[in-house]
Amino acid sequence: MALNIGLISDTHLPEARKTLWPQIYDAFSEVDLILHAGDIHEYFVLDELEKLAPVYSARGNGEDGGGGRPVQPEDPRVRYAWLLELEGLWIGLTHYVPVPERPPNFTLERWIERFFPERTPDVIVSGDTHREQITSVNGVLCVNPGSPTYPHNYDTQYGTLGFLHLEDGQASAEVVLITEDGIEPFDWNAVPPWKL
């Protein structure tokens, strides 16, 4: 069996806008699961996403009252870190990991010891930076889907989402760009629209 997982982070609602872009609901309409890597801000976002698929979310600094916002209540869908066994792989979900690393203190190994002491995940999904990234660090696939509303911390505009594909014990990831008409593959070699 294969799993197609929608990845989203740093939605910042209702600060960024009142609701998610409708293109996000279309993009996630056929996913099996949705992982939100934190900075949700208000949990109605999770309620809306949960209409499409089960949701797990990391608790970000935005849920802890960062920036003068109220502290969000406990919610069973939200933890500082999740470690999920899916399709024979261990998937970690947390708001922030130091990728790229800044030794000696900000290393992925230290974050794994802190958030995933049970075992090293095969994949870690994170957010916080608002910068899309797919890279491997010490054999761990690290995926940051960026932000759909504040790409690279710019003002509200179309940003990015991600997908994690699990099949036969293998994981692959992709980032997509939200456009006026839907989504399109993210071109890692092009200047993103928010930098034009």
Protein backbone atom coordinates (compact mmCIF):
# COMPACT_ATOMS: atom_id res chain seq x y z
CA MET A 1 0.00 0.00 0.00
CA ALA A 2 1.14 3.57 -0.66
CA LEU A 3 0.42 6.67 1.39
CA ASN A 4 0.19 10.18 0.00
CA ILE A 5 0.61 12.74 2.79
CA GLY A 6 -0.08 16.46 2.51
CA LEU A 7 2.47 18.73 4.22
CA ILE A 8 1.76 22.26 5.37
CA SER A 9 3.30 24.65 7.88
CA ASP A 10 3.26 28.21 9.12
CA THR A 11 -0.28 29.05 8.05
CA HIS A 12 -0.52 31.95 10.54
CA LEU A 13 -4.30 32.24 10.39
CA PRO A 14 -6.14 34.51 10.82
CA GLU A 15 -3.13 36.86 10.89
CA ALA A 16 -2.12 36.13 7.28
CA ARG A 17 -5.67 35.88 5.95
CA LYS A 18 -9.08 34.73 7.21
CA THR A 19 -8.96 31.26 5.62
CA LEU A 20 -6.58 29.02 3.72
CA TRP A 21 -6.29 29.52 -0.01
CA PRO A 22 -8.95 27.35 -1.73
CA GLN A 23 -6.17 25.83 -3.87
CA ILE A 24 -4.90 24.07 -0.72
CA TYR A 25 -8.16 22.18 -0.27
CA ASP A 26 -8.04 21.10 -3.92
CA ALA A 27 -4.39 20.02 -3.62
CA PHE A 28 -5.10 17.96 -0.50
CA SER A 29 -8.42 16.52 -1.69
CA GLU A 30 -6.99 13.03 -2.23
CA VAL A 31 -4.31 12.75 0.45
CA ASP A 32 -4.46 10.00 3.07
CA LEU A 33 -3.11 12.15 5.91
CA ILE A 34 -2.11 15.77 6.56
CA LEU A 35 0.89 16.82 8.65
CA HIS A 36 0.95 20.46 9.80
CA ALA A 37 4.38 21.51 11.06
CA GLY A 38 3.15 24.23 13.40
CA ASP A 39 2.48 27.94 13.65
CA ILE A 40 -1.16 27.20 12.98
CA HIS A 41 -2.12 30.07 15.29
CA GLU A 42 -5.82 29.16 15.60
CA TYR A 43 -7.09 25.60 15.47
CA PHE A 44 -10.00 26.21 13.11
CA VAL A 45 -7.34 25.57 10.43
CA LEU A 46 -7.02 21.98 11.66
CA ASP A 47 -10.80 21.58 11.73
CA GLU A 48 -10.96 22.59 8.07
CA LEU A 49 -8.08 20.33 7.02
CA GLU A 50 -9.55 17.43 8.98
CA LYS A 51 -12.56 17.48 6.66
CA LEU A 52 -10.15 16.18 3.99
CA ALA A 53 -8.02 13.68 5.94
CA PRO A 54 -6.79 12.90 9.46
CA VAL A 55 -4.49 15.65 10.77
CA TYR A 56 -1.44 15.61 13.03
CA SER A 57 0.15 18.91 13.95
CA ALA A 58 3.27 20.15 15.65
CA ARG A 59 2.84 22.87 18.24
CA GLY A 60 4.74 25.95 17.13
CA ASN A 61 5.77 29.11 18.93
CA GLY A 62 2.63 30.75 17.49
CA GLU A 63 0.46 28.41 19.58
CA ASP A 64 2.48 29.22 22.71
CA GLY A 65 1.54 32.90 22.70
CA GLY A 66 4.40 34.15 20.55
CA GLY A 67 4.05 37.68 19.18
CA GLY A 68 1.47 38.65 21.78
CA ARG A 69 -1.06 36.05 20.60
CA PRO A 70 -3.06 34.09 23.18
CA VAL A 71 -1.78 30.65 24.16
CA GLN A 72 -3.81 28.02 22.32
CA PRO A 73 -5.42 25.27 24.42
CA GLU A 74 -4.44 21.62 24.44
CA ASP A 75 -5.74 19.68 21.44
CA PRO A 76 -5.25 15.95 20.82
CA ARG A 77 -4.10 16.67 17.26
CA VAL A 78 -1.29 18.94 18.46
CA ARG A 79 1.99 17.99 20.18
CA TYR A 80 5.48 19.41 20.27
CA ALA A 81 6.61 16.28 18.45
CA TRP A 82 4.98 13.26 16.84
CA LEU A 83 6.71 10.00 15.92
CA LEU A 84 4.46 8.01 13.61
CA GLU A 85 5.09 4.58 12.12
CA LEU A 86 3.67 4.65 8.60
CA GLU A 87 4.25 2.13 5.83
CA GLY A 88 7.24 0.65 7.66
CA LEU A 89 8.92 4.02 8.12
CA TRP A 90 9.22 6.30 11.15
CA ILE A 91 8.02 9.83 10.43
CA GLY A 92 8.87 12.61 12.87
CA LEU A 93 6.89 15.85 12.96
CA THR A 94 7.97 18.92 14.92
CA HIS A 95 7.96 22.66 14.36
CA TYR A 96 11.66 23.35 14.05
CA VAL A 97 14.84 21.41 13.35
CA PRO A 98 18.23 23.01 12.69
CA VAL A 99 18.59 22.37 8.97
CA PRO A 100 20.98 23.59 7.79
CA GLU A 101 22.92 22.64 10.90
CA ARG A 102 24.98 25.13 12.92
CA PRO A 103 27.36 23.01 15.02
CA PRO A 104 28.09 22.46 17.79
CA ASN A 105 24.75 23.37 19.42
CA PHE A 106 22.28 23.42 16.55
CA THR A 107 22.56 19.96 15.04
CA LEU A 108 19.91 17.55 13.87
CA GLU A 109 21.35 14.89 16.20
CA ARG A 110 20.68 17.07 19.25
CA TRP A 111 17.11 17.78 18.11
CA ILE A 112 16.50 14.06 17.54
CA GLU A 113 17.74 13.33 21.07
CA ARG A 114 15.37 16.00 22.40
CA PHE A 115 12.20 15.31 20.41
CA PHE A 116 12.56 11.70 19.26
CA PRO A 117 14.49 9.89 22.00
CA GLU A 118 12.72 6.61 21.20
CA ARG A 119 14.43 6.26 17.81
CA THR A 120 15.83 8.23 14.90
CA PRO A 121 13.09 8.96 12.37
CA ASP A 122 13.54 8.04 8.72
CA VAL A 123 11.85 11.33 7.79
CA ILE A 124 11.40 14.56 9.74
CA VAL A 125 8.79 17.11 8.66
CA SER A 126 9.29 20.59 10.11
CA GLY A 127 8.49 24.23 9.44
CA ASP A 128 9.25 27.52 11.24
CA THR A 129 11.61 29.02 8.66
CA HIS A 130 8.91 29.61 6.00
CA ARG A 131 11.49 28.29 3.53
CA GLU A 132 10.83 25.19 1.49
CA GLN A 133 13.54 22.55 1.70
CA ILE A 134 14.11 18.88 0.98
CA THR A 135 17.46 17.51 2.07
CA SER A 136 19.07 14.51 3.72
CA VAL A 137 21.07 14.90 6.92
CA ASN A 138 22.88 11.84 8.26
CA GLY A 139 20.46 9.58 6.41
CA VAL A 140 17.33 11.38 7.65
CA LEU A 141 15.10 12.88 4.95
CA CYS A 142 14.26 16.40 6.18
CA VAL A 143 11.27 18.12 4.57
CA ASN A 144 10.07 21.66 5.15
CA PRO A 145 7.04 22.53 3.00
CA GLY A 146 7.55 26.26 3.51
CA SER A 147 4.57 28.50 4.19
CA PRO A 148 1.45 28.72 2.01
CA THR A 149 0.72 32.28 3.17
CA TYR A 150 4.02 33.93 4.19
CA PRO A 151 6.67 32.42 1.89
CA HIS A 152 10.15 33.34 3.11
CA ASN A 153 8.42 35.60 5.68
CA TYR A 154 7.22 38.01 3.00
CA ASP A 155 3.75 39.59 3.14
CA THR A 156 0.66 37.48 2.47
CA GLN A 157 0.83 35.84 -0.95
CA TYR A 158 0.80 32.42 -2.58
CA GLY A 159 3.49 30.23 -1.08
CA THR A 160 4.23 26.52 -0.98
CA LEU A 161 2.96 23.14 0.22
CA GLY A 162 4.55 19.72 0.26
CA PHE A 163 3.75 16.08 -0.28
CA LEU A 164 5.37 13.03 1.26
CA HIS A 165 4.97 9.76 -0.64
CA LEU A 166 5.52 6.48 1.21
CA GLU A 167 5.58 3.16 -0.62
CA ASP A 168 7.32 -0.17 -0.05
CA GLY A 169 9.43 1.23 2.79
CA GLN A 170 10.66 4.14 0.68
CA ALA A 171 9.98 7.85 1.13
CA SER A 172 10.05 10.67 -1.39
CA ALA A 173 8.97 14.28 -1.06
CA GLU A 174 8.04 17.17 -3.28
CA VAL A 175 7.25 20.85 -2.85
CA VAL A 176 4.60 22.59 -4.93
CA LEU A 177 3.91 26.25 -5.56
CA ILE A 178 0.41 27.61 -5.05
CA THR A 179 -0.74 29.61 -8.07
CA GLU A 180 -3.87 31.52 -9.05
CA ASP A 181 -5.12 28.41 -10.87
CA GLY A 182 -4.06 25.65 -8.45
CA ILE A 183 -0.61 24.24 -7.81
CA GLU A 184 2.44 23.55 -9.93
CA PRO A 185 5.80 21.86 -9.28
CA PHE A 186 8.22 24.11 -7.45
CA ASP A 187 11.16 25.02 -9.70
CA TRP A 188 14.21 24.92 -7.43
CA ASN A 189 16.30 26.67 -10.10
CA ALA A 190 13.95 29.61 -10.75
CA VAL A 191 13.56 32.81 -8.79
CA PRO A 192 10.36 32.35 -6.74
CA PRO A 193 7.54 34.79 -7.54
CA TRP A 194 7.81 36.50 -4.17
CA LYS A 195 11.37 37.57 -5.02
CA LEU A 196 10.56 39.05 -8.43
